[in-house]
Amino acid sequence: MIDFAFMDASERGALMLVCSIAIALIGFSLAELALTLTADFNNLAAMAVLPCILKGLPAVVGVGMLIKARAIAEWLNDLLDG
């Protein structure tokens, strides 16, 4: 669990930015994947594996960003500060 009490405003802002981007990546990727699967199902087409894998990659990146959110936020804060 991330403890916000010991962070200053810029660190909290960077962390919230990283988490927001990660959640947006996951949501967008899952929506695209669901739309692709629904279109294939409705058209009675064979499911193509490669497009499904490619549309799922941003979700994997988003989960990785959520796992390493604090480190990415610290890097971003250091990059912007100086």
PDB file of N, CA and C in Angstrom:
ATOM      1  N   MET A   1       0.844  -1.172   0.000  1.00  0.00           N
ATOM      2  CA  MET A   1       0.000   0.000   0.000  1.00  0.00           C
ATOM      3  C   MET A   1       0.892   1.239   0.000  1.00  0.00           C
ATOM      4  N   ILE A   2       0.518   2.218  -0.770  1.00  0.00           N
ATOM      5  CA  ILE A   2       1.296   3.449  -0.884  1.00  0.00           C
ATOM      6  C   ILE A   2       0.849   4.417   0.202  1.00  0.00           C
ATOM      7  N   ASP A   3       1.801   4.931   0.973  1.00  0.00           N
ATOM      8  CA  ASP A   3       1.504   5.861   2.054  1.00  0.00           C
ATOM      9  C   ASP A   3       1.718   7.287   1.558  1.00  0.00           C
ATOM     10  N   PHE A   4       0.635   8.036   1.451  1.00  0.00           N
ATOM     11  CA  PHE A   4       0.697   9.394   0.933  1.00  0.00           C
ATOM     12  C   PHE A   4       1.111  10.410   1.994  1.00  0.00           C
ATOM     13  N   ALA A   5       1.149  10.033   3.266  1.00  0.00           N
ATOM     14  CA  ALA A   5       1.415  10.991   4.334  1.00  0.00           C
ATOM     15  C   ALA A   5       2.839  11.533   4.278  1.00  0.00           C
ATOM     16  N   PHE A   6       3.778  10.746   3.784  1.00  0.00           N
ATOM     17  CA  PHE A   6       5.175  11.160   3.781  1.00  0.00           C
ATOM     18  C   PHE A   6       5.637  11.695   2.438  1.00  0.00           C
ATOM     19  N   MET A   7       4.681  12.035   1.553  1.00  0.00           N
ATOM     20  CA  MET A   7       5.029  12.529   0.227  1.00  0.00           C
ATOM     21  C   MET A   7       4.646  14.000   0.126  1.00  0.00           C
ATOM     22  N   ASP A   8       5.462  14.766  -0.592  1.00  0.00           N
ATOM     23  CA  ASP A   8       5.075  16.155  -0.829  1.00  0.00           C
ATOM     24  C   ASP A   8       4.152  16.218  -2.046  1.00  0.00           C
ATOM     25  N   ALA A   9       3.692  17.414  -2.349  1.00  0.00           N
ATOM     26  CA  ALA A   9       2.655  17.575  -3.372  1.00  0.00           C
ATOM     27  C   ALA A   9       3.133  17.137  -4.761  1.00  0.00           C
ATOM     28  N   SER A  10       4.361  17.439  -5.112  1.00  0.00           N
ATOM     29  CA  SER A  10       4.831  17.066  -6.446  1.00  0.00           C
ATOM     30  C   SER A  10       4.964  15.550  -6.592  1.00  0.00           C
ATOM     31  N   GLU A  11       5.385  14.866  -5.536  1.00  0.00           N
ATOM     32  CA  GLU A  11       5.484  13.407  -5.590  1.00  0.00           C
ATOM     33  C   GLU A  11       4.102  12.769  -5.684  1.00  0.00           C
ATOM     34  N   ARG A  12       3.139  13.305  -4.928  1.00  0.00           N
ATOM     35  CA  ARG A  12       1.773  12.784  -5.009  1.00  0.00           C
ATOM     36  C   ARG A  12       1.190  13.014  -6.390  1.00  0.00           C
ATOM     37  N   GLY A  13       1.443  14.191  -6.961  1.00  0.00           N
ATOM     38  CA  GLY A  13       0.942  14.490  -8.292  1.00  0.00           C
ATOM     39  C   GLY A  13       1.530  13.569  -9.348  1.00  0.00           C
ATOM     40  N   ALA A  14       2.833  13.326  -9.254  1.00  0.00           N
ATOM     41  CA  ALA A  14       3.478  12.421 -10.210  1.00  0.00           C
ATOM     42  C   ALA A  14       2.938  11.002 -10.060  1.00  0.00           C
ATOM     43  N   LEU A  15       2.716  10.569  -8.829  1.00  0.00           N
ATOM     44  CA  LEU A  15       2.188   9.230  -8.594  1.00  0.00           C
ATOM     45  C   LEU A  15       0.764   9.107  -9.126  1.00  0.00           C
ATOM     46  N   MET A  16      -0.050  10.107  -8.911  1.00  0.00           N
ATOM     47  CA  MET A  16      -1.420  10.064  -9.417  1.00  0.00           C
ATOM     48  C   MET A  16      -1.437  10.099 -10.947  1.00  0.00           C
ATOM     49  N   LEU A  17      -0.519  10.832 -11.554  1.00  0.00           N
ATOM     50  CA  LEU A  17      -0.419  10.861 -13.013  1.00  0.00           C
ATOM     51  C   LEU A  17      -0.053   9.486 -13.556  1.00  0.00           C
ATOM     52  N   VAL A  18       0.920   8.850 -12.959  1.00  0.00           N
ATOM     53  CA  VAL A  18       1.348   7.520 -13.401  1.00  0.00           C
ATOM     54  C   VAL A  18       0.214   6.509 -13.230  1.00  0.00           C
ATOM     55  N   CYS A  19      -0.468   6.548 -12.098  1.00  0.00           N
ATOM     56  CA  CYS A  19      -1.574   5.614 -11.871  1.00  0.00           C
ATOM     57  C   CYS A  19      -2.721   5.868 -12.841  1.00  0.00           C
ATOM     58  N   SER A  20      -3.011   7.128 -13.122  1.00  0.00           N
ATOM     59  CA  SER A  20      -4.090   7.455 -14.059  1.00  0.00           C
ATOM     60  C   SER A  20      -3.766   6.967 -15.468  1.00  0.00           C
ATOM     61  N   ILE A  21      -2.537   7.161 -15.902  1.00  0.00           N
ATOM     62  CA  ILE A  21      -2.135   6.683 -17.227  1.00  0.00           C
ATOM     63  C   ILE A  21      -2.195   5.165 -17.289  1.00  0.00           C
ATOM     64  N   ALA A  22      -1.757   4.491 -16.230  1.00  0.00           N
ATOM     65  CA  ALA A  22      -1.786   3.027 -16.208  1.00  0.00           C
ATOM     66  C   ALA A  22      -3.218   2.508 -16.268  1.00  0.00           C
ATOM     67  N   ILE A  23      -4.114   3.115 -15.516  1.00  0.00           N
ATOM     68  CA  ILE A  23      -5.509   2.677 -15.521  1.00  0.00           C
ATOM     69  C   ILE A  23      -6.153   2.957 -16.872  1.00  0.00           C
ATOM     70  N   ALA A  24      -5.809   4.084 -17.489  1.00  0.00           N
ATOM     71  CA  ALA A  24      -6.339   4.396 -18.818  1.00  0.00           C
ATOM     72  C   ALA A  24      -5.844   3.382 -19.849  1.00  0.00           C
ATOM     73  N   LEU A  25      -4.581   2.999 -19.776  1.00  0.00           N
ATOM     74  CA  LEU A  25      -4.053   1.978 -20.687  1.00  0.00           C
ATOM     75  C   LEU A  25      -4.783   0.647 -20.528  1.00  0.00           C
ATOM     76  N   ILE A  26      -5.013   0.253 -19.293  1.00  0.00           N
ATOM     77  CA  ILE A  26      -5.699  -1.011 -19.042  1.00  0.00           C
ATOM     78  C   ILE A  26      -7.130  -0.950 -19.562  1.00  0.00           C
ATOM     79  N   GLY A  27      -7.831   0.132 -19.267  1.00  0.00           N
ATOM     80  CA  GLY A  27      -9.218   0.262 -19.712  1.00  0.00           C
ATOM     81  C   GLY A  27      -9.347   0.311 -21.216  1.00  0.00           C
ATOM     82  N   PHE A  28      -8.497   1.096 -21.870  1.00  0.00           N
ATOM     83  CA  PHE A  28      -8.537   1.190 -23.325  1.00  0.00           C
ATOM     84  C   PHE A  28      -8.236  -0.157 -23.967  1.00  0.00           C
ATOM     85  N   SER A  29      -7.246  -0.839 -23.449  1.00  0.00           N
ATOM     86  CA  SER A  29      -6.856  -2.125 -24.017  1.00  0.00           C
ATOM     87  C   SER A  29      -7.962  -3.164 -23.855  1.00  0.00           C
ATOM     88  N   LEU A  30      -8.575  -3.220 -22.681  1.00  0.00           N
ATOM     89  CA  LEU A  30      -9.640  -4.188 -22.470  1.00  0.00           C
ATOM     90  C   LEU A  30     -10.867  -3.871 -23.314  1.00  0.00           C
ATOM     91  N   ALA A  31     -11.163  -2.584 -23.507  1.00  0.00           N
ATOM     92  CA  ALA A  31     -12.291  -2.200 -24.361  1.00  0.00           C
ATOM     93  C   ALA A  31     -12.023  -2.592 -25.811  1.00  0.00           C
ATOM     94  N   GLU A  32     -10.818  -2.327 -26.301  1.00  0.00           N
ATOM     95  CA  GLU A  32     -10.471  -2.709 -27.672  1.00  0.00           C
ATOM     96  C   GLU A  32     -10.523  -4.220 -27.862  1.00  0.00           C
ATOM     97  N   LEU A  33     -10.023  -4.950 -26.885  1.00  0.00           N
ATOM     98  CA  LEU A  33     -10.041  -6.405 -26.963  1.00  0.00           C
ATOM     99  C   LEU A  33     -11.472  -6.937 -26.961  1.00  0.00           C
ATOM    100  N   ALA A  34     -12.322  -6.383 -26.119  1.00  0.00           N
ATOM    101  CA  ALA A  34     -13.726  -6.811 -26.074  1.00  0.00           C
ATOM    102  C   ALA A  34     -14.434  -6.489 -27.386  1.00  0.00           C
ATOM    103  N   LEU A  35     -14.165  -5.317 -27.954  1.00  0.00           N
ATOM    104  CA  LEU A  35     -14.787  -4.969 -29.234  1.00  0.00           C
ATOM    105  C   LEU A  35     -14.320  -5.889 -30.357  1.00  0.00           C
ATOM    106  N   THR A  36     -13.059  -6.230 -30.360  1.00  0.00           N
ATOM    107  CA  THR A  36     -12.538  -7.139 -31.383  1.00  0.00           C
ATOM    108  C   THR A  36     -13.158  -8.525 -31.260  1.00  0.00           C
ATOM    109  N   LEU A  37     -13.237  -9.033 -30.046  1.00  0.00           N
ATOM    110  CA  LEU A  37     -13.820 -10.354 -29.839  1.00  0.00           C
ATOM    111  C   LEU A  37     -15.309 -10.360 -30.178  1.00  0.00           C
ATOM    112  N   THR A  38     -16.008  -9.283 -29.834  1.00  0.00           N
ATOM    113  CA  THR A  38     -17.428  -9.192 -30.152  1.00  0.00           C
ATOM    114  C   THR A  38     -17.651  -9.117 -31.655  1.00  0.00           C
ATOM    115  N   ALA A  39     -16.834  -8.349 -32.355  1.00  0.00           N
ATOM    116  CA  ALA A  39     -16.971  -8.248 -33.808  1.00  0.00           C
ATOM    117  C   ALA A  39     -16.690  -9.585 -34.479  1.00  0.00           C
ATOM    118  N   ASP A  40     -15.675 -10.295 -34.026  1.00  0.00           N
ATOM    119  CA  ASP A  40     -15.376 -11.618 -34.588  1.00  0.00           C
ATOM    120  C   ASP A  40     -16.511 -12.601 -34.311  1.00  0.00           C
ATOM    121  N   PHE A  41     -17.075 -12.523 -33.117  1.00  0.00           N
ATOM    122  CA  PHE A  41     -18.158 -13.432 -32.760  1.00  0.00           C
ATOM    123  C   PHE A  41     -19.417 -13.137 -33.568  1.00  0.00           C
ATOM    124  N   ASN A  42     -19.740 -11.849 -33.734  1.00  0.00           N
ATOM    125  CA  ASN A  42     -20.944 -11.472 -34.477  1.00  0.00           C
ATOM    126  C   ASN A  42     -20.821 -11.744 -35.968  1.00  0.00           C
ATOM    127  N   ASN A  43     -19.633 -11.659 -36.516  1.00  0.00           N
ATOM    128  CA  ASN A  43     -19.422 -11.919 -37.938  1.00  0.00           C
ATOM    129  C   ASN A  43     -19.160 -13.390 -38.229  1.00  0.00           C
ATOM    130  N   LEU A  44     -19.185 -14.210 -37.187  1.00  0.00           N
ATOM    131  CA  LEU A  44     -18.911 -15.642 -37.303  1.00  0.00           C
ATOM    132  C   LEU A  44     -17.564 -15.899 -37.960  1.00  0.00           C
ATOM    133  N   ALA A  45     -16.613 -15.039 -37.656  1.00  0.00           N
ATOM    134  CA  ALA A  45     -15.262 -15.178 -38.198  1.00  0.00           C
ATOM    135  C   ALA A  45     -14.394 -15.928 -37.193  1.00  0.00           C
ATOM    136  N   ALA A  46     -13.358 -16.514 -37.713  1.00  0.00           N
ATOM    137  CA  ALA A  46     -12.400 -17.187 -36.838  1.00  0.00           C
ATOM    138  C   ALA A  46     -11.634 -16.132 -36.046  1.00  0.00           C
ATOM    139  N   MET A  47     -11.397 -16.425 -34.778  1.00  0.00           N
ATOM    140  CA  MET A  47     -10.688 -15.476 -33.933  1.00  0.00           C
ATOM    141  C   MET A  47      -9.207 -15.470 -34.305  1.00  0.00           C
ATOM    142  N   ALA A  48      -8.699 -14.299 -34.641  1.00  0.00           N
ATOM    143  CA  ALA A  48      -7.283 -14.166 -34.960  1.00  0.00           C
ATOM    144  C   ALA A  48      -6.512 -13.929 -33.667  1.00  0.00           C
ATOM    145  N   VAL A  49      -5.488 -14.704 -33.452  1.00  0.00           N
ATOM    146  CA  VAL A  49      -4.752 -14.651 -32.193  1.00  0.00           C
ATOM    147  C   VAL A  49      -3.835 -13.432 -32.127  1.00  0.00           C
ATOM    148  N   LEU A  50      -3.129 -13.138 -33.208  1.00  0.00           N
ATOM    149  CA  LEU A  50      -2.162 -12.047 -33.184  1.00  0.00           C
ATOM    150  C   LEU A  50      -2.802 -10.684 -32.893  1.00  0.00           C
ATOM    151  N   PRO A  51      -3.923 -10.315 -33.520  1.00  0.00           N
ATOM    152  CA  PRO A  51      -4.535  -9.033 -33.151  1.00  0.00           C
ATOM    153  C   PRO A  51      -4.987  -8.981 -31.690  1.00  0.00           C
ATOM    154  N   CYS A  52      -5.443 -10.102 -31.160  1.00  0.00           N
ATOM    155  CA  CYS A  52      -5.845 -10.129 -29.755  1.00  0.00           C
ATOM    156  C   CYS A  52      -4.643  -9.932 -28.835  1.00  0.00           C
ATOM    157  N   ILE A  53      -3.535 -10.540 -29.189  1.00  0.00           N
ATOM    158  CA  ILE A  53      -2.316 -10.364 -28.390  1.00  0.00           C
ATOM    159  C   ILE A  53      -1.839  -8.921 -28.464  1.00  0.00           C
ATOM    160  N   LEU A  54      -1.853  -8.350 -29.657  1.00  0.00           N
ATOM    161  CA  LEU A  54      -1.396  -6.968 -29.815  1.00  0.00           C
ATOM    162  C   LEU A  54      -2.306  -5.980 -29.095  1.00  0.00           C
ATOM    163  N   LYS A  55      -3.590  -6.246 -29.057  1.00  0.00           N
ATOM    164  CA  LYS A  55      -4.512  -5.350 -28.360  1.00  0.00           C
ATOM    165  C   LYS A  55      -4.474  -5.548 -26.854  1.00  0.00           C
ATOM    166  N   GLY A  56      -3.912  -6.643 -26.394  1.00  0.00           N
ATOM    167  CA  GLY A  56      -3.764  -6.885 -24.964  1.00  0.00           C
ATOM    168  C   GLY A  56      -2.457  -6.365 -24.382  1.00  0.00           C
ATOM    169  N   LEU A  57      -1.502  -6.010 -25.242  1.00  0.00           N
ATOM    170  CA  LEU A  57      -0.200  -5.534 -24.752  1.00  0.00           C
ATOM    171  C   LEU A  57      -0.288  -4.250 -23.916  1.00  0.00           C
ATOM    172  N   PRO A  58      -1.106  -3.252 -24.292  1.00  0.00           N
ATOM    173  CA  PRO A  58      -1.187  -2.075 -23.420  1.00  0.00           C
ATOM    174  C   PRO A  58      -1.696  -2.403 -22.011  1.00  0.00           C
ATOM    175  N   ALA A  59      -2.535  -3.411 -21.878  1.00  0.00           N
ATOM    176  CA  ALA A  59      -2.990  -3.813 -20.544  1.00  0.00           C
ATOM    177  C   ALA A  59      -1.828  -4.372 -19.724  1.00  0.00           C
ATOM    178  N   VAL A  60      -0.963  -5.128 -20.367  1.00  0.00           N
ATOM    179  CA  VAL A  60       0.213  -5.670 -19.672  1.00  0.00           C
ATOM    180  C   VAL A  60       1.145  -4.536 -19.245  1.00  0.00           C
ATOM    181  N   VAL A  61       1.322  -3.547 -20.139  1.00  0.00           N
ATOM    182  CA  VAL A  61       2.148  -2.386 -19.808  1.00  0.00           C
ATOM    183  C   VAL A  61       1.518  -1.604 -18.653  1.00  0.00           C
ATOM    184  N   GLY A  62       0.196  -1.461 -18.666  1.00  0.00           N
ATOM    185  CA  GLY A  62      -0.504  -0.752 -17.592  1.00  0.00           C
ATOM    186  C   GLY A  62      -0.358  -1.450 -16.253  1.00  0.00           C
ATOM    187  N   VAL A  63      -0.454  -2.762 -16.240  1.00  0.00           N
ATOM    188  CA  VAL A  63      -0.272  -3.510 -14.987  1.00  0.00           C
ATOM    189  C   VAL A  63       1.162  -3.353 -14.488  1.00  0.00           C
ATOM    190  N   GLY A  64       2.112  -3.412 -15.406  1.00  0.00           N
ATOM    191  CA  GLY A  64       3.513  -3.198 -15.019  1.00  0.00           C
ATOM    192  C   GLY A  64       3.734  -1.795 -14.459  1.00  0.00           C
ATOM    193  N   MET A  65       3.066  -0.805 -15.057  1.00  0.00           N
ATOM    194  CA  MET A  65       3.177   0.561 -14.537  1.00  0.00           C
ATOM    195  C   MET A  65       2.569   0.675 -13.148  1.00  0.00           C
ATOM    196  N   LEU A  66       1.459  -0.022 -12.902  1.00  0.00           N
ATOM    197  CA  LEU A  66       0.865   0.020 -11.565  1.00  0.00           C
ATOM    198  C   LEU A  66       1.763  -0.653 -10.538  1.00  0.00           C
ATOM    199  N   ILE A  67       2.436  -1.713 -10.947  1.00  0.00           N
ATOM    200  CA  ILE A  67       3.335  -2.401 -10.015  1.00  0.00           C
ATOM    201  C   ILE A  67       4.528  -1.510  -9.672  1.00  0.00           C
ATOM    202  N   LYS A  68       5.087  -0.837 -10.668  1.00  0.00           N
ATOM    203  CA  LYS A  68       6.261   0.007 -10.458  1.00  0.00           C
ATOM    204  C   LYS A  68       5.896   1.495 -10.388  1.00  0.00           C
ATOM    205  N   ALA A  69       4.678   1.824  -9.967  1.00  0.00           N
ATOM    206  CA  ALA A  69       4.189   3.204 -10.001  1.00  0.00           C
ATOM    207  C   ALA A  69       5.061   4.146  -9.178  1.00  0.00           C
ATOM    208  N   ARG A  70       5.453   3.728  -8.009  1.00  0.00           N
ATOM    209  CA  ARG A  70       6.235   4.615  -7.142  1.00  0.00           C
ATOM    210  C   ARG A  70       7.598   4.928  -7.759  1.00  0.00           C
ATOM    211  N   ALA A  71       8.266   3.927  -8.325  1.00  0.00           N
ATOM    212  CA  ALA A  71       9.578   4.145  -8.937  1.00  0.00           C
ATOM    213  C   ALA A  71       9.457   5.036 -10.172  1.00  0.00           C
ATOM    214  N   ILE A  72       8.425   4.820 -10.974  1.00  0.00           N
ATOM    215  CA  ILE A  72       8.226   5.659 -12.160  1.00  0.00           C
ATOM    216  C   ILE A  72       7.902   7.085 -11.745  1.00  0.00           C
ATOM    217  N   ALA A  73       7.096   7.248 -10.695  1.00  0.00           N
ATOM    218  CA  ALA A  73       6.743   8.587 -10.221  1.00  0.00           C
ATOM    219  C   ALA A  73       7.965   9.322  -9.674  1.00  0.00           C
ATOM    220  N   GLU A  74       8.812   8.615  -8.955  1.00  0.00           N
ATOM    221  CA  GLU A  74      10.042   9.253  -8.450  1.00  0.00           C
ATOM    222  C   GLU A  74      10.946   9.656  -9.602  1.00  0.00           C
ATOM    223  N   TRP A  75      11.074   8.798 -10.613  1.00  0.00           N
ATOM    224  CA  TRP A  75      11.887   9.129 -11.782  1.00  0.00           C
ATOM    225  C   TRP A  75      11.317  10.343 -12.505  1.00  0.00           C
ATOM    226  N   LEU A  76      10.001  10.382 -12.672  1.00  0.00           N
ATOM    227  CA  LEU A  76       9.351  11.500 -13.339  1.00  0.00           C
ATOM    228  C   LEU A  76       9.508  12.785 -12.534  1.00  0.00           C
ATOM    229  N   ASN A  77       9.378  12.688 -11.225  1.00  0.00           N
ATOM    230  CA  ASN A  77       9.536  13.863 -10.372  1.00  0.00           C
ATOM    231  C   ASN A  77      10.970  14.398 -10.440  1.00  0.00           C
ATOM    232  N   ASP A  78      11.957  13.515 -10.413  1.00  0.00           N
ATOM    233  CA  ASP A  78      13.357  13.939 -10.514  1.00  0.00           C
ATOM    234  C   ASP A  78      13.634  14.543 -11.898  1.00  0.00           C
ATOM    235  N   LEU A  79      13.033  13.971 -12.933  1.00  0.00           N
ATOM    236  CA  LEU A  79      13.232  14.473 -14.286  1.00  0.00           C
ATOM    237  C   LEU A  79      12.660  15.883 -14.440  1.00  0.00           C
ATOM    238  N   LEU A  80      11.505  16.129 -13.868  1.00  0.00           N
ATOM    239  CA  LEU A  80      10.850  17.428 -13.997  1.00  0.00           C
ATOM    240  C   LEU A  80      11.436  18.486 -13.056  1.00  0.00           C
ATOM    241  N   ASP A  81      11.981  18.054 -11.923  1.00  0.00           N
ATOM    242  CA  ASP A  81      12.535  19.005 -10.966  1.00  0.00           C
ATOM    243  C   ASP A  81      13.890  19.541 -11.380  1.00  0.00           C
ATOM    244  N   GLY A  82      14.651  18.737 -12.032  1.00  0.00           N
ATOM    245  CA  GLY A  82      15.954  19.286 -12.258  1.00  0.00           C
ATOM    246  C   GLY A  82      16.688  18.729 -13.381  1.00  0.00           C
TER     247      GLY A  82
END
